[in-house]
């Protein structure tokens, strides 16, 4: 994936959540500097990272914004 395509898509994904960069990073446990570098096009992650993150965001939306980490607590996986 080209640098500018990745940076556009990762920014679109974040904006689709309605979160600013700091909130998005905290919620999805992504280092702020990493996210900034991705959005500015200075660094890229492998394409599967974008797909996995998009899937995770989508599943959280479908679950009514429940925190998926709460399932780990119920299952005993901490």
PDB file of N, CA and C in Angstrom:
ATOM      1  N   UNK A   1       0.854  -1.175   0.000  1.00  0.00           N
ATOM      2  CA  UNK A   1       0.000   0.000   0.000  1.00  0.00           C
ATOM      3  C   UNK A   1       0.899   1.236   0.000  1.00  0.00           C
ATOM      4  N   UNK A   2       0.566   2.193  -0.834  1.00  0.00           N
ATOM      5  CA  UNK A   2       1.369   3.404  -0.926  1.00  0.00           C
ATOM      6  C   UNK A   2       1.232   4.235   0.345  1.00  0.00           C
ATOM      7  N   UNK A   3       2.273   5.025   0.611  1.00  0.00           N
ATOM      8  CA  UNK A   3       2.311   5.835   1.822  1.00  0.00           C
ATOM      9  C   UNK A   3       1.080   6.730   1.971  1.00  0.00           C
ATOM     10  N   UNK A   4       0.753   7.456   0.922  1.00  0.00           N
ATOM     11  CA  UNK A   4      -0.359   8.406   1.027  1.00  0.00           C
ATOM     12  C   UNK A   4      -1.705   7.692   1.171  1.00  0.00           C
ATOM     13  N   UNK A   5      -1.841   6.511   0.580  1.00  0.00           N
ATOM     14  CA  UNK A   5      -3.092   5.757   0.697  1.00  0.00           C
ATOM     15  C   UNK A   5      -3.272   5.280   2.130  1.00  0.00           C
ATOM     16  N   UNK A   6      -2.220   4.731   2.720  1.00  0.00           N
ATOM     17  CA  UNK A   6      -2.299   4.260   4.101  1.00  0.00           C
ATOM     18  C   UNK A   6      -2.632   5.411   5.032  1.00  0.00           C
ATOM     19  N   UNK A   7      -1.940   6.536   4.896  1.00  0.00           N
ATOM     20  CA  UNK A   7      -2.171   7.660   5.804  1.00  0.00           C
ATOM     21  C   UNK A   7      -3.596   8.196   5.671  1.00  0.00           C
ATOM     22  N   UNK A   8      -4.118   8.237   4.458  1.00  0.00           N
ATOM     23  CA  UNK A   8      -5.496   8.695   4.255  1.00  0.00           C
ATOM     24  C   UNK A   8      -6.495   7.736   4.896  1.00  0.00           C
ATOM     25  N   UNK A   9      -6.269   6.455   4.698  1.00  0.00           N
ATOM     26  CA  UNK A   9      -7.210   5.453   5.209  1.00  0.00           C
ATOM     27  C   UNK A   9      -7.192   5.378   6.731  1.00  0.00           C
ATOM     28  N   UNK A  10      -6.018   5.477   7.333  1.00  0.00           N
ATOM     29  CA  UNK A  10      -5.947   5.402   8.796  1.00  0.00           C
ATOM     30  C   UNK A  10      -6.590   6.645   9.406  1.00  0.00           C
ATOM     31  N   UNK A  11      -6.405   7.785   8.767  1.00  0.00           N
ATOM     32  CA  UNK A  11      -7.028   9.016   9.257  1.00  0.00           C
ATOM     33  C   UNK A  11      -8.545   8.954   9.089  1.00  0.00           C
ATOM     34  N   UNK A  12      -9.007   8.446   7.958  1.00  0.00           N
ATOM     35  CA  UNK A  12     -10.449   8.284   7.733  1.00  0.00           C
ATOM     36  C   UNK A  12     -11.059   7.355   8.780  1.00  0.00           C
ATOM     37  N   UNK A  13     -10.354   6.276   9.085  1.00  0.00           N
ATOM     38  CA  UNK A  13     -10.847   5.330  10.082  1.00  0.00           C
ATOM     39  C   UNK A  13     -10.979   6.018  11.436  1.00  0.00           C
ATOM     40  N   UNK A  14      -9.950   6.747  11.826  1.00  0.00           N
ATOM     41  CA  UNK A  14     -10.008   7.447  13.117  1.00  0.00           C
ATOM     42  C   UNK A  14     -11.146   8.459  13.136  1.00  0.00           C
ATOM     43  N   UNK A  15     -11.260   9.236  12.077  1.00  0.00           N
ATOM     44  CA  UNK A  15     -12.304  10.257  12.020  1.00  0.00           C
ATOM     45  C   UNK A  15     -13.699   9.638  12.023  1.00  0.00           C
ATOM     46  N   UNK A  16     -13.834   8.441  11.484  1.00  0.00           N
ATOM     47  CA  UNK A  16     -15.137   7.774  11.461  1.00  0.00           C
ATOM     48  C   UNK A  16     -15.622   7.429  12.862  1.00  0.00           C
ATOM     49  N   UNK A  17     -14.691   7.351  13.805  1.00  0.00           N
ATOM     50  CA  UNK A  17     -15.062   7.041  15.187  1.00  0.00           C
ATOM     51  C   UNK A  17     -15.511   8.282  15.946  1.00  0.00           C
ATOM     52  N   UNK A  18     -15.204   9.452  15.405  1.00  0.00           N
ATOM     53  CA  UNK A  18     -15.535  10.697  16.089  1.00  0.00           C
ATOM     54  C   UNK A  18     -14.554  11.048  17.196  1.00  0.00           C
ATOM     55  N   UNK A  19     -13.456  10.318  17.268  1.00  0.00           N
ATOM     56  CA  UNK A  19     -12.456  10.556  18.301  1.00  0.00           C
ATOM     57  C   UNK A  19     -11.313  11.393  17.739  1.00  0.00           C
ATOM     58  N   UNK A  20     -10.727  12.212  18.594  1.00  0.00           N
ATOM     59  CA  UNK A  20      -9.519  12.893  18.150  1.00  0.00           C
ATOM     60  C   UNK A  20      -8.353  11.900  18.252  1.00  0.00           C
ATOM     61  N   UNK A  21      -7.204  12.306  17.815  1.00  0.00           N
ATOM     62  CA  UNK A  21      -6.068  11.381  17.766  1.00  0.00           C
ATOM     63  C   UNK A  21      -5.724  10.839  19.148  1.00  0.00           C
ATOM     64  N   UNK A  22      -5.695  11.710  20.148  1.00  0.00           N
ATOM     65  CA  UNK A  22      -5.332  11.274  21.501  1.00  0.00           C
ATOM     66  C   UNK A  22      -6.335  10.255  22.040  1.00  0.00           C
ATOM     67  N   UNK A  23      -7.618  10.540  21.876  1.00  0.00           N
ATOM     68  CA  UNK A  23      -8.666   9.629  22.361  1.00  0.00           C
ATOM     69  C   UNK A  23      -8.594   8.286  21.643  1.00  0.00           C
ATOM     70  N   UNK A  24      -8.394   8.334  20.335  1.00  0.00           N
ATOM     71  CA  UNK A  24      -8.304   7.107  19.541  1.00  0.00           C
ATOM     72  C   UNK A  24      -7.128   6.257  20.017  1.00  0.00           C
ATOM     73  N   UNK A  25      -6.005   6.905  20.222  1.00  0.00           N
ATOM     74  CA  UNK A  25      -4.812   6.175  20.671  1.00  0.00           C
ATOM     75  C   UNK A  25      -5.024   5.537  22.034  1.00  0.00           C
ATOM     76  N   UNK A  26      -5.658   6.268  22.933  1.00  0.00           N
ATOM     77  CA  UNK A  26      -5.919   5.712  24.260  1.00  0.00           C
ATOM     78  C   UNK A  26      -6.885   4.536  24.186  1.00  0.00           C
ATOM     79  N   UNK A  27      -7.958   4.693  23.411  1.00  0.00           N
ATOM     80  CA  UNK A  27      -8.968   3.647  23.319  1.00  0.00           C
ATOM     81  C   UNK A  27      -8.418   2.367  22.691  1.00  0.00           C
ATOM     82  N   UNK A  28      -7.611   2.510  21.648  1.00  0.00           N
ATOM     83  CA  UNK A  28      -7.119   1.339  20.920  1.00  0.00           C
ATOM     84  C   UNK A  28      -5.670   0.991  21.244  1.00  0.00           C
ATOM     85  N   UNK A  29      -5.145   1.632  22.282  1.00  0.00           N
ATOM     86  CA  UNK A  29      -3.810   1.331  22.788  1.00  0.00           C
ATOM     87  C   UNK A  29      -2.734   1.399  21.709  1.00  0.00           C
ATOM     88  N   UNK A  30      -2.756   2.491  20.962  1.00  0.00           N
ATOM     89  CA  UNK A  30      -1.758   2.754  19.934  1.00  0.00           C
ATOM     90  C   UNK A  30      -0.914   3.923  20.425  1.00  0.00           C
ATOM     91  N   UNK A  31       0.392   3.820  20.388  1.00  0.00           N
ATOM     92  CA  UNK A  31       1.198   4.969  20.806  1.00  0.00           C
ATOM     93  C   UNK A  31       0.853   6.208  19.962  1.00  0.00           C
ATOM     94  N   UNK A  32       0.714   7.335  20.641  1.00  0.00           N
ATOM     95  CA  UNK A  32       0.326   8.581  19.983  1.00  0.00           C
ATOM     96  C   UNK A  32       1.301   8.945  18.858  1.00  0.00           C
ATOM     97  N   UNK A  33       2.566   8.798  19.124  1.00  0.00           N
ATOM     98  CA  UNK A  33       3.562   9.148  18.108  1.00  0.00           C
ATOM     99  C   UNK A  33       3.439   8.252  16.876  1.00  0.00           C
ATOM    100  N   UNK A  34       3.161   6.981  17.087  1.00  0.00           N
ATOM    101  CA  UNK A  34       2.977   6.054  15.967  1.00  0.00           C
ATOM    102  C   UNK A  34       1.803   6.491  15.111  1.00  0.00           C
ATOM    103  N   UNK A  35       0.683   6.800  15.756  1.00  0.00           N
ATOM    104  CA  UNK A  35      -0.504   7.233  15.020  1.00  0.00           C
ATOM    105  C   UNK A  35      -0.229   8.523  14.251  1.00  0.00           C
ATOM    106  N   UNK A  36       0.470   9.440  14.877  1.00  0.00           N
ATOM    107  CA  UNK A  36       0.819  10.702  14.223  1.00  0.00           C
ATOM    108  C   UNK A  36       1.673  10.445  12.990  1.00  0.00           C
ATOM    109  N   UNK A  37       2.665   9.590  13.126  1.00  0.00           N
ATOM    110  CA  UNK A  37       3.542   9.265  11.997  1.00  0.00           C
ATOM    111  C   UNK A  37       2.760   8.593  10.871  1.00  0.00           C
ATOM    112  N   UNK A  38       1.812   7.724  11.220  1.00  0.00           N
ATOM    113  CA  UNK A  38       0.974   7.075  10.207  1.00  0.00           C
ATOM    114  C   UNK A  38       0.134   8.104   9.472  1.00  0.00           C
ATOM    115  N   UNK A  39      -0.530   8.983  10.230  1.00  0.00           N
ATOM    116  CA  UNK A  39      -1.415   9.957   9.599  1.00  0.00           C
ATOM    117  C   UNK A  39      -0.660  10.968   8.748  1.00  0.00           C
ATOM    118  N   UNK A  40       0.552  11.293   9.135  1.00  0.00           N
ATOM    119  CA  UNK A  40       1.349  12.242   8.355  1.00  0.00           C
ATOM    120  C   UNK A  40       2.042  11.580   7.168  1.00  0.00           C
ATOM    121  N   UNK A  41       1.981  10.268   7.103  1.00  0.00           N
ATOM    122  CA  UNK A  41       2.595   9.551   5.997  1.00  0.00           C
ATOM    123  C   UNK A  41       4.088   9.343   6.141  1.00  0.00           C
ATOM    124  N   UNK A  42       4.601   9.530   7.349  1.00  0.00           N
ATOM    125  CA  UNK A  42       6.034   9.339   7.590  1.00  0.00           C
ATOM    126  C   UNK A  42       6.388   7.876   7.821  1.00  0.00           C
ATOM    127  N   UNK A  43       5.401   7.111   8.279  1.00  0.00           N
ATOM    128  CA  UNK A  43       5.594   5.675   8.516  1.00  0.00           C
ATOM    129  C   UNK A  43       4.339   4.946   8.107  1.00  0.00           C
ATOM    130  N   UNK A  44       4.494   3.684   7.788  1.00  0.00           N
ATOM    131  CA  UNK A  44       3.358   2.819   7.454  1.00  0.00           C
ATOM    132  C   UNK A  44       3.437   1.551   8.276  1.00  0.00           C
ATOM    133  N   UNK A  45       2.283   0.987   8.508  1.00  0.00           N
ATOM    134  CA  UNK A  45       2.200  -0.341   9.102  1.00  0.00           C
ATOM    135  C   UNK A  45       1.860  -1.293   7.965  1.00  0.00           C
ATOM    136  N   UNK A  46       2.047  -2.578   8.167  1.00  0.00           N
ATOM    137  CA  UNK A  46       1.613  -3.530   7.142  1.00  0.00           C
ATOM    138  C   UNK A  46       0.111  -3.393   6.910  1.00  0.00           C
ATOM    139  N   UNK A  47      -0.352  -3.653   5.705  1.00  0.00           N
ATOM    140  CA  UNK A  47      -1.781  -3.500   5.389  1.00  0.00           C
ATOM    141  C   UNK A  47      -2.713  -4.262   6.333  1.00  0.00           C
ATOM    142  N   UNK A  48      -2.265  -5.410   6.850  1.00  0.00           N
ATOM    143  CA  UNK A  48      -3.149  -6.176   7.738  1.00  0.00           C
ATOM    144  C   UNK A  48      -3.450  -5.418   9.030  1.00  0.00           C
ATOM    145  N   UNK A  49      -2.573  -4.524   9.457  1.00  0.00           N
ATOM    146  CA  UNK A  49      -2.818  -3.747  10.670  1.00  0.00           C
ATOM    147  C   UNK A  49      -4.026  -2.844  10.470  1.00  0.00           C
ATOM    148  N   UNK A  50      -4.100  -2.213   9.324  1.00  0.00           N
ATOM    149  CA  UNK A  50      -5.247  -1.362   9.013  1.00  0.00           C
ATOM    150  C   UNK A  50      -6.529  -2.191   8.952  1.00  0.00           C
ATOM    151  N   UNK A  51      -6.465  -3.354   8.326  1.00  0.00           N
ATOM    152  CA  UNK A  51      -7.650  -4.218   8.243  1.00  0.00           C
ATOM    153  C   UNK A  51      -8.105  -4.670   9.631  1.00  0.00           C
ATOM    154  N   UNK A  52      -7.171  -5.078  10.482  1.00  0.00           N
ATOM    155  CA  UNK A  52      -7.519  -5.527  11.826  1.00  0.00           C
ATOM    156  C   UNK A  52      -8.099  -4.389  12.664  1.00  0.00           C
ATOM    157  N   UNK A  53      -7.511  -3.226  12.545  1.00  0.00           N
ATOM    158  CA  UNK A  53      -8.001  -2.083  13.299  1.00  0.00           C
ATOM    159  C   UNK A  53      -9.393  -1.679  12.820  1.00  0.00           C
ATOM    160  N   UNK A  54      -9.614  -1.702  11.507  1.00  0.00           N
ATOM    161  CA  UNK A  54     -10.936  -1.386  10.950  1.00  0.00           C
ATOM    162  C   UNK A  54     -11.970  -2.400  11.441  1.00  0.00           C
ATOM    163  N   UNK A  55     -11.593  -3.662  11.487  1.00  0.00           N
ATOM    164  CA  UNK A  55     -12.488  -4.711  11.970  1.00  0.00           C
ATOM    165  C   UNK A  55     -12.829  -4.481  13.444  1.00  0.00           C
ATOM    166  N   UNK A  56     -11.828  -4.171  14.237  1.00  0.00           N
ATOM    167  CA  UNK A  56     -12.024  -3.937  15.669  1.00  0.00           C
ATOM    168  C   UNK A  56     -12.959  -2.753  15.898  1.00  0.00           C
ATOM    169  N   UNK A  57     -12.745  -1.664  15.166  1.00  0.00           N
ATOM    170  CA  UNK A  57     -13.604  -0.480  15.278  1.00  0.00           C
ATOM    171  C   UNK A  57     -15.035  -0.841  14.894  1.00  0.00           C
ATOM    172  N   UNK A  58     -15.190  -1.585  13.809  1.00  0.00           N
ATOM    173  CA  UNK A  58     -16.519  -1.988  13.341  1.00  0.00           C
ATOM    174  C   UNK A  58     -17.230  -2.866  14.367  1.00  0.00           C
ATOM    175  N   UNK A  59     -16.515  -3.810  14.953  1.00  0.00           N
ATOM    176  CA  UNK A  59     -17.128  -4.702  15.939  1.00  0.00           C
ATOM    177  C   UNK A  59     -17.545  -3.934  17.179  1.00  0.00           C
ATOM    178  N   UNK A  60     -16.755  -2.985  17.597  1.00  0.00           N
ATOM    179  CA  UNK A  60     -17.140  -2.182  18.755  1.00  0.00           C
ATOM    180  C   UNK A  60     -18.401  -1.396  18.457  1.00  0.00           C
ATOM    181  N   UNK A  61     -18.520  -0.874  17.260  1.00  0.00           N
ATOM    182  CA  UNK A  61     -19.723  -0.128  16.874  1.00  0.00           C
ATOM    183  C   UNK A  61     -20.939  -1.053  16.880  1.00  0.00           C
ATOM    184  N   UNK A  62     -20.785  -2.262  16.378  1.00  0.00           N
ATOM    185  CA  UNK A  62     -21.892  -3.219  16.346  1.00  0.00           C
ATOM    186  C   UNK A  62     -22.302  -3.675  17.738  1.00  0.00           C
ATOM    187  N   UNK A  63     -21.364  -3.700  18.643  1.00  0.00           N
ATOM    188  CA  UNK A  63     -21.658  -4.125  20.002  1.00  0.00           C
ATOM    189  C   UNK A  63     -22.150  -2.968  20.859  1.00  0.00           C
ATOM    190  N   UNK A  64     -22.453  -1.846  20.229  1.00  0.00           N
ATOM    191  CA  UNK A  64     -22.972  -0.711  20.972  1.00  0.00           C
ATOM    192  C   UNK A  64     -21.922  -0.016  21.802  1.00  0.00           C
ATOM    193  N   UNK A  65     -20.712   0.057  21.259  1.00  0.00           N
ATOM    194  CA  UNK A  65     -19.604   0.735  21.922  1.00  0.00           C
ATOM    195  C   UNK A  65     -19.184   0.073  23.228  1.00  0.00           C
ATOM    196  N   UNK A  66     -19.576  -1.177  23.425  1.00  0.00           N
ATOM    197  CA  UNK A  66     -19.074  -1.904  24.588  1.00  0.00           C
ATOM    198  C   UNK A  66     -17.572  -2.061  24.414  1.00  0.00           C
ATOM    199  N   UNK A  67     -16.877  -2.017  25.480  1.00  0.00           N
ATOM    200  CA  UNK A  67     -15.435  -2.206  25.432  1.00  0.00           C
ATOM    201  C   UNK A  67     -15.155  -3.698  25.289  1.00  0.00           C
ATOM    202  N   UNK A  68     -14.503  -4.083  24.204  1.00  0.00           N
ATOM    203  CA  UNK A  68     -14.218  -5.496  23.970  1.00  0.00           C
ATOM    204  C   UNK A  68     -13.336  -6.083  25.068  1.00  0.00           C
ATOM    205  N   UNK A  69     -12.603  -5.226  25.769  1.00  0.00           N
ATOM    206  CA  UNK A  69     -11.780  -5.726  26.858  1.00  0.00           C
ATOM    207  C   UNK A  69     -12.623  -6.291  27.991  1.00  0.00           C
ATOM    208  N   UNK A  70     -13.869  -5.846  28.117  1.00  0.00           N
ATOM    209  CA  UNK A  70     -14.728  -6.356  29.181  1.00  0.00           C
ATOM    210  C   UNK A  70     -15.007  -7.842  28.984  1.00  0.00           C
ATOM    211  N   UNK A  71     -14.983  -8.303  27.738  1.00  0.00           N
ATOM    212  CA  UNK A  71     -15.182  -9.735  27.481  1.00  0.00           C
ATOM    213  C   UNK A  71     -14.034 -10.541  28.048  1.00  0.00           C
ATOM    214  N   UNK A  72     -12.826  -9.992  28.007  1.00  0.00           N
ATOM    215  CA  UNK A  72     -11.676 -10.694  28.563  1.00  0.00           C
ATOM    216  C   UNK A  72     -11.840 -10.880  30.056  1.00  0.00           C
ATOM    217  N   UNK A  73     -12.369  -9.852  30.730  1.00  0.00           N
ATOM    218  CA  UNK A  73     -12.565  -9.944  32.181  1.00  0.00           C
ATOM    219  C   UNK A  73     -13.584 -11.018  32.505  1.00  0.00           C
ATOM    220  N   UNK A  74     -14.641 -11.137  31.709  1.00  0.00           N
ATOM    221  CA  UNK A  74     -15.666 -12.150  31.932  1.00  0.00           C
ATOM    222  C   UNK A  74     -15.094 -13.534  31.691  1.00  0.00           C
ATOM    223  N   UNK A  75     -14.262 -13.668  30.655  1.00  0.00           N
ATOM    224  CA  UNK A  75     -13.675 -14.953  30.319  1.00  0.00           C
ATOM    225  C   UNK A  75     -12.509 -15.324  31.234  1.00  0.00           C
ATOM    226  N   UNK A  76     -12.043 -14.340  32.023  1.00  0.00           N
ATOM    227  CA  UNK A  76     -10.925 -14.611  32.919  1.00  0.00           C
ATOM    228  C   UNK A  76      -9.564 -14.428  32.299  1.00  0.00           C
ATOM    229  N   UNK A  77      -9.503 -13.864  31.096  1.00  0.00           N
ATOM    230  CA  UNK A  77      -8.224 -13.621  30.424  1.00  0.00           C
ATOM    231  C   UNK A  77      -7.791 -12.193  30.703  1.00  0.00           C
ATOM    232  N   UNK A  78      -6.991 -11.984  31.690  1.00  0.00           N
ATOM    233  CA  UNK A  78      -6.550 -10.621  31.999  1.00  0.00           C
ATOM    234  C   UNK A  78      -5.104 -10.443  31.686  1.00  0.00           C
TER     235      UNK A  78
END
